[in-house]
Amino acid sequence: MDPPNDFEALTKAFSGFGVDEDSMVSILGKWHSQHLESFRKRTPKFFLEDERLFERWDDHHIACLTKEFLRFKVLMFFLL
């Protein structure tokens, strides 16, 4: 997939109820450094510059992702 289609698929994986982990892993796992840099530039609300001008994830978005993965983990525990 080219990056614009990947961005749309990744956005779809994160939208709605829960996170589509399979899509997320399959998309991000094959990206090269140029794709990752392009993603960071196209999604500025997910990344913040700290006092040393390093990019880092926005803590709110990380907390939301952590919560979603924890829900998935609990669900998998009860299904198995």
PDB file of N, CA and C in Angstrom:
ATOM      1  N   MET A   1       0.830  -1.184   0.000  1.00  0.00           N
ATOM      2  CA  MET A   1       0.000   0.000   0.000  1.00  0.00           C
ATOM      3  C   MET A   1       0.871   1.242   0.000  1.00  0.00           C
ATOM      4  N   ASP A   2       0.423   2.281  -0.661  1.00  0.00           N
ATOM      5  CA  ASP A   2       1.171   3.526  -0.606  1.00  0.00           C
ATOM      6  C   ASP A   2       0.772   4.296   0.653  1.00  0.00           C
ATOM      7  N   PRO A   3       1.581   5.229   1.108  1.00  0.00           N
ATOM      8  CA  PRO A   3       1.315   5.919   2.365  1.00  0.00           C
ATOM      9  C   PRO A   3      -0.053   6.572   2.480  1.00  0.00           C
ATOM     10  N   PRO A   4      -0.587   7.299   1.457  1.00  0.00           N
ATOM     11  CA  PRO A   4      -1.915   7.888   1.642  1.00  0.00           C
ATOM     12  C   PRO A   4      -2.987   6.846   1.959  1.00  0.00           C
ATOM     13  N   ASN A   5      -2.962   5.704   1.283  1.00  0.00           N
ATOM     14  CA  ASN A   5      -3.933   4.656   1.586  1.00  0.00           C
ATOM     15  C   ASN A   5      -3.676   4.058   2.960  1.00  0.00           C
ATOM     16  N   ASP A   6      -2.402   3.937   3.332  1.00  0.00           N
ATOM     17  CA  ASP A   6      -2.064   3.440   4.660  1.00  0.00           C
ATOM     18  C   ASP A   6      -2.588   4.377   5.735  1.00  0.00           C
ATOM     19  N   PHE A   7      -2.457   5.691   5.509  1.00  0.00           N
ATOM     20  CA  PHE A   7      -2.936   6.656   6.490  1.00  0.00           C
ATOM     21  C   PHE A   7      -4.438   6.512   6.690  1.00  0.00           C
ATOM     22  N   GLU A   8      -5.160   6.352   5.592  1.00  0.00           N
ATOM     23  CA  GLU A   8      -6.609   6.184   5.684  1.00  0.00           C
ATOM     24  C   GLU A   8      -6.962   4.887   6.399  1.00  0.00           C
ATOM     25  N   ALA A   9      -6.265   3.809   6.076  1.00  0.00           N
ATOM     26  CA  ALA A   9      -6.527   2.524   6.720  1.00  0.00           C
ATOM     27  C   ALA A   9      -6.174   2.575   8.197  1.00  0.00           C
ATOM     28  N   LEU A  10      -5.098   3.267   8.536  1.00  0.00           N
ATOM     29  CA  LEU A  10      -4.698   3.385   9.935  1.00  0.00           C
ATOM     30  C   LEU A  10      -5.703   4.225  10.710  1.00  0.00           C
ATOM     31  N   THR A  11      -6.175   5.304  10.098  1.00  0.00           N
ATOM     32  CA  THR A  11      -7.202   6.125  10.736  1.00  0.00           C
ATOM     33  C   THR A  11      -8.459   5.305  10.975  1.00  0.00           C
ATOM     34  N   LYS A  12      -8.839   4.492  10.004  1.00  0.00           N
ATOM     35  CA  LYS A  12     -10.015   3.633  10.151  1.00  0.00           C
ATOM     36  C   LYS A  12      -9.800   2.600  11.261  1.00  0.00           C
ATOM     37  N   ALA A  13      -8.574   2.079  11.386  1.00  0.00           N
ATOM     38  CA  ALA A  13      -8.275   1.091  12.424  1.00  0.00           C
ATOM     39  C   ALA A  13      -8.426   1.687  13.819  1.00  0.00           C
ATOM     40  N   PHE A  14      -8.169   2.994  13.954  1.00  0.00           N
ATOM     41  CA  PHE A  14      -8.269   3.649  15.254  1.00  0.00           C
ATOM     42  C   PHE A  14      -9.638   4.261  15.512  1.00  0.00           C
ATOM     43  N   SER A  15     -10.515   4.303  14.527  1.00  0.00           N
ATOM     44  CA  SER A  15     -11.810   4.942  14.716  1.00  0.00           C
ATOM     45  C   SER A  15     -12.861   3.915  15.107  1.00  0.00           C
ATOM     46  N   GLY A  16     -13.959   4.432  15.632  1.00  0.00           N
ATOM     47  CA  GLY A  16     -15.035   3.539  16.042  1.00  0.00           C
ATOM     48  C   GLY A  16     -14.796   2.955  17.420  1.00  0.00           C
ATOM     49  N   PHE A  17     -15.448   1.867  17.702  1.00  0.00           N
ATOM     50  CA  PHE A  17     -15.339   1.230  19.008  1.00  0.00           C
ATOM     51  C   PHE A  17     -14.122   0.322  19.035  1.00  0.00           C
ATOM     52  N   GLY A  18     -13.155   0.674  19.830  1.00  0.00           N
ATOM     53  CA  GLY A  18     -11.961  -0.152  19.952  1.00  0.00           C
ATOM     54  C   GLY A  18     -10.952   0.125  18.850  1.00  0.00           C
ATOM     55  N   VAL A  19      -9.897  -0.665  18.860  1.00  0.00           N
ATOM     56  CA  VAL A  19      -8.809  -0.537  17.894  1.00  0.00           C
ATOM     57  C   VAL A  19      -8.709  -1.834  17.110  1.00  0.00           C
ATOM     58  N   ASP A  20      -8.599  -1.725  15.797  1.00  0.00           N
ATOM     59  CA  ASP A  20      -8.402  -2.901  14.949  1.00  0.00           C
ATOM     60  C   ASP A  20      -6.913  -3.233  14.968  1.00  0.00           C
ATOM     61  N   GLU A  21      -6.522  -4.066  15.947  1.00  0.00           N
ATOM     62  CA  GLU A  21      -5.106  -4.363  16.162  1.00  0.00           C
ATOM     63  C   GLU A  21      -4.458  -5.035  14.960  1.00  0.00           C
ATOM     64  N   ASP A  22      -5.166  -5.929  14.307  1.00  0.00           N
ATOM     65  CA  ASP A  22      -4.594  -6.630  13.149  1.00  0.00           C
ATOM     66  C   ASP A  22      -4.198  -5.651  12.046  1.00  0.00           C
ATOM     67  N   SER A  23      -5.099  -4.731  11.731  1.00  0.00           N
ATOM     68  CA  SER A  23      -4.796  -3.737  10.692  1.00  0.00           C
ATOM     69  C   SER A  23      -3.642  -2.841  11.117  1.00  0.00           C
ATOM     70  N   MET A  24      -3.677  -2.405  12.378  1.00  0.00           N
ATOM     71  CA  MET A  24      -2.638  -1.518  12.868  1.00  0.00           C
ATOM     72  C   MET A  24      -1.258  -2.170  12.767  1.00  0.00           C
ATOM     73  N   VAL A  25      -1.135  -3.404  13.224  1.00  0.00           N
ATOM     74  CA  VAL A  25       0.149  -4.106  13.203  1.00  0.00           C
ATOM     75  C   VAL A  25       0.598  -4.378  11.774  1.00  0.00           C
ATOM     76  N   SER A  26      -0.339  -4.783  10.914  1.00  0.00           N
ATOM     77  CA  SER A  26       0.056  -5.091   9.534  1.00  0.00           C
ATOM     78  C   SER A  26       0.509  -3.841   8.783  1.00  0.00           C
ATOM     79  N   ILE A  27      -0.084  -2.700   9.081  1.00  0.00           N
ATOM     80  CA  ILE A  27       0.305  -1.458   8.414  1.00  0.00           C
ATOM     81  C   ILE A  27       1.622  -0.927   8.976  1.00  0.00           C
ATOM     82  N   LEU A  28       1.693  -0.758  10.282  1.00  0.00           N
ATOM     83  CA  LEU A  28       2.886  -0.156  10.884  1.00  0.00           C
ATOM     84  C   LEU A  28       4.104  -1.062  10.804  1.00  0.00           C
ATOM     85  N   GLY A  29       3.885  -2.364  10.797  1.00  0.00           N
ATOM     86  CA  GLY A  29       4.999  -3.303  10.768  1.00  0.00           C
ATOM     87  C   GLY A  29       5.797  -3.287   9.483  1.00  0.00           C
ATOM     88  N   LYS A  30       5.201  -2.810   8.401  1.00  0.00           N
ATOM     89  CA  LYS A  30       5.913  -2.818   7.116  1.00  0.00           C
ATOM     90  C   LYS A  30       6.391  -1.431   6.685  1.00  0.00           C
ATOM     91  N   TRP A  31       6.149  -0.419   7.496  1.00  0.00           N
ATOM     92  CA  TRP A  31       6.553   0.935   7.136  1.00  0.00           C
ATOM     93  C   TRP A  31       8.055   1.122   7.263  1.00  0.00           C
ATOM     94  N   HIS A  32       8.605   1.872   6.334  1.00  0.00           N
ATOM     95  CA  HIS A  32      10.005   2.279   6.393  1.00  0.00           C
ATOM     96  C   HIS A  32      10.085   3.608   7.143  1.00  0.00           C
ATOM     97  N   SER A  33      11.265   4.036   7.456  1.00  0.00           N
ATOM     98  CA  SER A  33      11.442   5.272   8.231  1.00  0.00           C
ATOM     99  C   SER A  33      10.829   6.489   7.528  1.00  0.00           C
ATOM    100  N   GLN A  34      10.843   6.497   6.187  1.00  0.00           N
ATOM    101  CA  GLN A  34      10.249   7.625   5.458  1.00  0.00           C
ATOM    102  C   GLN A  34       8.734   7.679   5.674  1.00  0.00           C
ATOM    103  N   HIS A  35       8.086   6.518   5.706  1.00  0.00           N
ATOM    104  CA  HIS A  35       6.645   6.483   5.949  1.00  0.00           C
ATOM    105  C   HIS A  35       6.327   6.965   7.356  1.00  0.00           C
ATOM    106  N   LEU A  36       7.130   6.538   8.333  1.00  0.00           N
ATOM    107  CA  LEU A  36       6.901   6.955   9.716  1.00  0.00           C
ATOM    108  C   LEU A  36       7.063   8.464   9.864  1.00  0.00           C
ATOM    109  N   GLU A  37       8.082   9.016   9.232  1.00  0.00           N
ATOM    110  CA  GLU A  37       8.294  10.462   9.294  1.00  0.00           C
ATOM    111  C   GLU A  37       7.146  11.207   8.621  1.00  0.00           C
ATOM    112  N   SER A  38       6.684  10.710   7.497  1.00  0.00           N
ATOM    113  CA  SER A  38       5.557  11.317   6.798  1.00  0.00           C
ATOM    114  C   SER A  38       4.292  11.263   7.653  1.00  0.00           C
ATOM    115  N   PHE A  39       4.078  10.136   8.335  1.00  0.00           N
ATOM    116  CA  PHE A  39       2.918  10.005   9.223  1.00  0.00           C
ATOM    117  C   PHE A  39       2.990  11.031  10.349  1.00  0.00           C
ATOM    118  N   ARG A  40       4.166  11.191  10.947  1.00  0.00           N
ATOM    119  CA  ARG A  40       4.318  12.162  12.035  1.00  0.00           C
ATOM    120  C   ARG A  40       4.003  13.575  11.552  1.00  0.00           C
ATOM    121  N   LYS A  41       4.419  13.895  10.339  1.00  0.00           N
ATOM    122  CA  LYS A  41       4.177  15.240   9.813  1.00  0.00           C
ATOM    123  C   LYS A  41       2.713  15.454   9.448  1.00  0.00           C
ATOM    124  N   ARG A  42       2.036  14.393   9.006  1.00  0.00           N
ATOM    125  CA  ARG A  42       0.633  14.526   8.590  1.00  0.00           C
ATOM    126  C   ARG A  42      -0.337  14.455   9.758  1.00  0.00           C
ATOM    127  N   THR A  43       0.136  14.031  10.923  1.00  0.00           N
ATOM    128  CA  THR A  43      -0.722  13.924  12.107  1.00  0.00           C
ATOM    129  C   THR A  43      -0.099  14.689  13.271  1.00  0.00           C
ATOM    130  N   PRO A  44      -0.029  16.020  13.175  1.00  0.00           N
ATOM    131  CA  PRO A  44       0.666  16.794  14.208  1.00  0.00           C
ATOM    132  C   PRO A  44      -0.009  16.750  15.574  1.00  0.00           C
ATOM    133  N   LYS A  45      -1.310  16.461  15.636  1.00  0.00           N
ATOM    134  CA  LYS A  45      -1.969  16.447  16.944  1.00  0.00           C
ATOM    135  C   LYS A  45      -1.551  15.240  17.787  1.00  0.00           C
ATOM    136  N   PHE A  46      -0.986  14.205  17.171  1.00  0.00           N
ATOM    137  CA  PHE A  46      -0.548  13.037  17.928  1.00  0.00           C
ATOM    138  C   PHE A  46       0.850  13.205  18.508  1.00  0.00           C
ATOM    139  N   PHE A  47       1.614  14.144  17.983  1.00  0.00           N
ATOM    140  CA  PHE A  47       3.006  14.312  18.394  1.00  0.00           C
ATOM    141  C   PHE A  47       3.247  15.727  18.887  1.00  0.00           C
ATOM    142  N   LEU A  48       4.043  15.844  19.936  1.00  0.00           N
ATOM    143  CA  LEU A  48       4.398  17.138  20.503  1.00  0.00           C
ATOM    144  C   LEU A  48       5.914  17.254  20.569  1.00  0.00           C
ATOM    145  N   GLU A  49       6.400  18.480  20.476  1.00  0.00           N
ATOM    146  CA  GLU A  49       7.827  18.698  20.679  1.00  0.00           C
ATOM    147  C   GLU A  49       8.050  19.032  22.142  1.00  0.00           C
ATOM    148  N   ASP A  50       9.053  18.409  22.743  1.00  0.00           N
ATOM    149  CA  ASP A  50       9.364  18.718  24.132  1.00  0.00           C
ATOM    150  C   ASP A  50      10.330  19.904  24.194  1.00  0.00           C
ATOM    151  N   GLU A  51      10.812  20.211  25.397  1.00  0.00           N
ATOM    152  CA  GLU A  51      11.676  21.382  25.574  1.00  0.00           C
ATOM    153  C   GLU A  51      13.007  21.265  24.829  1.00  0.00           C
ATOM    154  N   ARG A  52      13.406  20.047  24.474  1.00  0.00           N
ATOM    155  CA  ARG A  52      14.654  19.838  23.720  1.00  0.00           C
ATOM    156  C   ARG A  52      14.389  19.702  22.220  1.00  0.00           C
ATOM    157  N   LEU A  53      13.152  19.974  21.798  1.00  0.00           N
ATOM    158  CA  LEU A  53      12.720  19.904  20.400  1.00  0.00           C
ATOM    159  C   LEU A  53      12.703  18.483  19.846  1.00  0.00           C
ATOM    160  N   PHE A  54      12.548  17.499  20.731  1.00  0.00           N
ATOM    161  CA  PHE A  54      12.358  16.116  20.313  1.00  0.00           C
ATOM    162  C   PHE A  54      10.868  15.857  20.173  1.00  0.00           C
ATOM    163  N   GLU A  55      10.503  15.050  19.181  1.00  0.00           N
ATOM    164  CA  GLU A  55       9.099  14.669  19.037  1.00  0.00           C
ATOM    165  C   GLU A  55       8.771  13.550  20.004  1.00  0.00           C
ATOM    166  N   ARG A  56       7.600  13.630  20.597  1.00  0.00           N
ATOM    167  CA  ARG A  56       7.127  12.559  21.466  1.00  0.00           C
ATOM    168  C   ARG A  56       5.616  12.460  21.295  1.00  0.00           C
ATOM    169  N   TRP A  57       5.082  11.291  21.659  1.00  0.00           N
ATOM    170  CA  TRP A  57       3.643  11.085  21.582  1.00  0.00           C
ATOM    171  C   TRP A  57       2.934  11.989  22.576  1.00  0.00           C
ATOM    172  N   ASP A  58       1.741  12.404  22.239  1.00  0.00           N
ATOM    173  CA  ASP A  58       0.886  13.127  23.171  1.00  0.00           C
ATOM    174  C   ASP A  58       0.411  12.128  24.225  1.00  0.00           C
ATOM    175  N   ASP A  59       0.607  12.445  25.495  1.00  0.00           N
ATOM    176  CA  ASP A  59       0.290  11.520  26.584  1.00  0.00           C
ATOM    177  C   ASP A  59      -1.183  11.110  26.604  1.00  0.00           C
ATOM    178  N   HIS A  60      -2.076  12.017  26.218  1.00  0.00           N
ATOM    179  CA  HIS A  60      -3.503  11.678  26.198  1.00  0.00           C
ATOM    180  C   HIS A  60      -3.787  10.554  25.203  1.00  0.00           C
ATOM    181  N   HIS A  61      -3.197  10.627  24.026  1.00  0.00           N
ATOM    182  CA  HIS A  61      -3.418   9.590  23.013  1.00  0.00           C
ATOM    183  C   HIS A  61      -2.809   8.255  23.441  1.00  0.00           C
ATOM    184  N   ILE A  62      -1.668   8.300  24.103  1.00  0.00           N
ATOM    185  CA  ILE A  62      -1.052   7.074  24.611  1.00  0.00           C
ATOM    186  C   ILE A  62      -1.934   6.453  25.684  1.00  0.00           C
ATOM    187  N   ALA A  63      -2.502   7.272  26.556  1.00  0.00           N
ATOM    188  CA  ALA A  63      -3.391   6.750  27.598  1.00  0.00           C
ATOM    189  C   ALA A  63      -4.621   6.088  26.976  1.00  0.00           C
ATOM    190  N   CYS A  64      -5.170   6.692  25.926  1.00  0.00           N
ATOM    191  CA  CYS A  64      -6.330   6.094  25.243  1.00  0.00           C
ATOM    192  C   CYS A  64      -5.964   4.762  24.599  1.00  0.00           C
ATOM    193  N   LEU A  65      -4.812   4.697  23.949  1.00  0.00           N
ATOM    194  CA  LEU A  65      -4.373   3.441  23.336  1.00  0.00           C
ATOM    195  C   LEU A  65      -4.119   2.372  24.391  1.00  0.00           C
ATOM    196  N   THR A  66      -3.497   2.759  25.492  1.00  0.00           N
ATOM    197  CA  THR A  66      -3.236   1.807  26.577  1.00  0.00           C
ATOM    198  C   THR A  66      -4.543   1.235  27.102  1.00  0.00           C
ATOM    199  N   LYS A  67      -5.536   2.084  27.261  1.00  0.00           N
ATOM    200  CA  LYS A  67      -6.849   1.644  27.737  1.00  0.00           C
ATOM    201  C   LYS A  67      -7.482   0.659  26.755  1.00  0.00           C
ATOM    202  N   GLU A  68      -7.398   0.957  25.461  1.00  0.00           N
ATOM    203  CA  GLU A  68      -7.976   0.067  24.454  1.00  0.00           C
ATOM    204  C   GLU A  68      -7.275  -1.287  24.434  1.00  0.00           C
ATOM    205  N   PHE A  69      -5.950  -1.291  24.515  1.00  0.00           N
ATOM    206  CA  PHE A  69      -5.225  -2.560  24.518  1.00  0.00           C
ATOM    207  C   PHE A  69      -5.508  -3.360  25.782  1.00  0.00           C
ATOM    208  N   LEU A  70      -5.690  -2.677  26.909  1.00  0.00           N
ATOM    209  CA  LEU A  70      -6.038  -3.377  28.144  1.00  0.00           C
ATOM    210  C   LEU A  70      -7.412  -4.030  28.013  1.00  0.00           C
ATOM    211  N   ARG A  71      -8.361  -3.326  27.413  1.00  0.00           N
ATOM    212  CA  ARG A  71      -9.691  -3.916  27.173  1.00  0.00           C
ATOM    213  C   ARG A  71      -9.577  -5.155  26.288  1.00  0.00           C
ATOM    214  N   PHE A  72      -8.772  -5.059  25.252  1.00  0.00           N
ATOM    215  CA  PHE A  72      -8.581  -6.190  24.349  1.00  0.00           C
ATOM    216  C   PHE A  72      -7.959  -7.367  25.095  1.00  0.00           C
ATOM    217  N   LYS A  73      -6.978  -7.094  25.934  1.00  0.00           N
ATOM    218  CA  LYS A  73      -6.313  -8.148  26.709  1.00  0.00           C
ATOM    219  C   LYS A  73      -7.305  -8.838  27.641  1.00  0.00           C
ATOM    220  N   VAL A  74      -8.135  -8.061  28.317  1.00  0.00           N
ATOM    221  CA  VAL A  74      -9.139  -8.636  29.222  1.00  0.00           C
ATOM    222  C   VAL A  74     -10.141  -9.466  28.434  1.00  0.00           C
ATOM    223  N   LEU A  75     -10.575  -8.963  27.292  1.00  0.00           N
ATOM    224  CA  LEU A  75     -11.513  -9.704  26.451  1.00  0.00           C
ATOM    225  C   LEU A  75     -10.916 -11.034  26.013  1.00  0.00           C
ATOM    226  N   MET A  76      -9.668 -11.014  25.572  1.00  0.00           N
ATOM    227  CA  MET A  76      -9.012 -12.253  25.138  1.00  0.00           C
ATOM    228  C   MET A  76      -8.871 -13.238  26.292  1.00  0.00           C
ATOM    229  N   PHE A  77      -8.614 -12.736  27.490  1.00  0.00           N
ATOM    230  CA  PHE A  77      -8.502 -13.599  28.662  1.00  0.00           C
ATOM    231  C   PHE A  77      -9.816 -14.337  28.903  1.00  0.00           C
ATOM    232  N   PHE A  78     -10.932 -13.614  28.822  1.00  0.00           N
ATOM    233  CA  PHE A  78     -12.228 -14.233  29.079  1.00  0.00           C
ATOM    234  C   PHE A  78     -12.689 -15.137  27.938  1.00  0.00           C
ATOM    235  N   LEU A  79     -12.234 -14.878  26.726  1.00  0.00           N
ATOM    236  CA  LEU A  79     -12.618 -15.726  25.601  1.00  0.00           C
ATOM    237  C   LEU A  79     -11.851 -17.038  25.576  1.00  0.00           C
ATOM    238  N   LEU A  80     -10.662 -17.035  26.151  1.00  0.00           N
ATOM    239  CA  LEU A  80      -9.854 -18.253  26.158  1.00  0.00           C
ATOM    240  C   LEU A  80     -10.173 -18.998  27.384  1.00  0.00           C
TER     241      LEU A  80
END
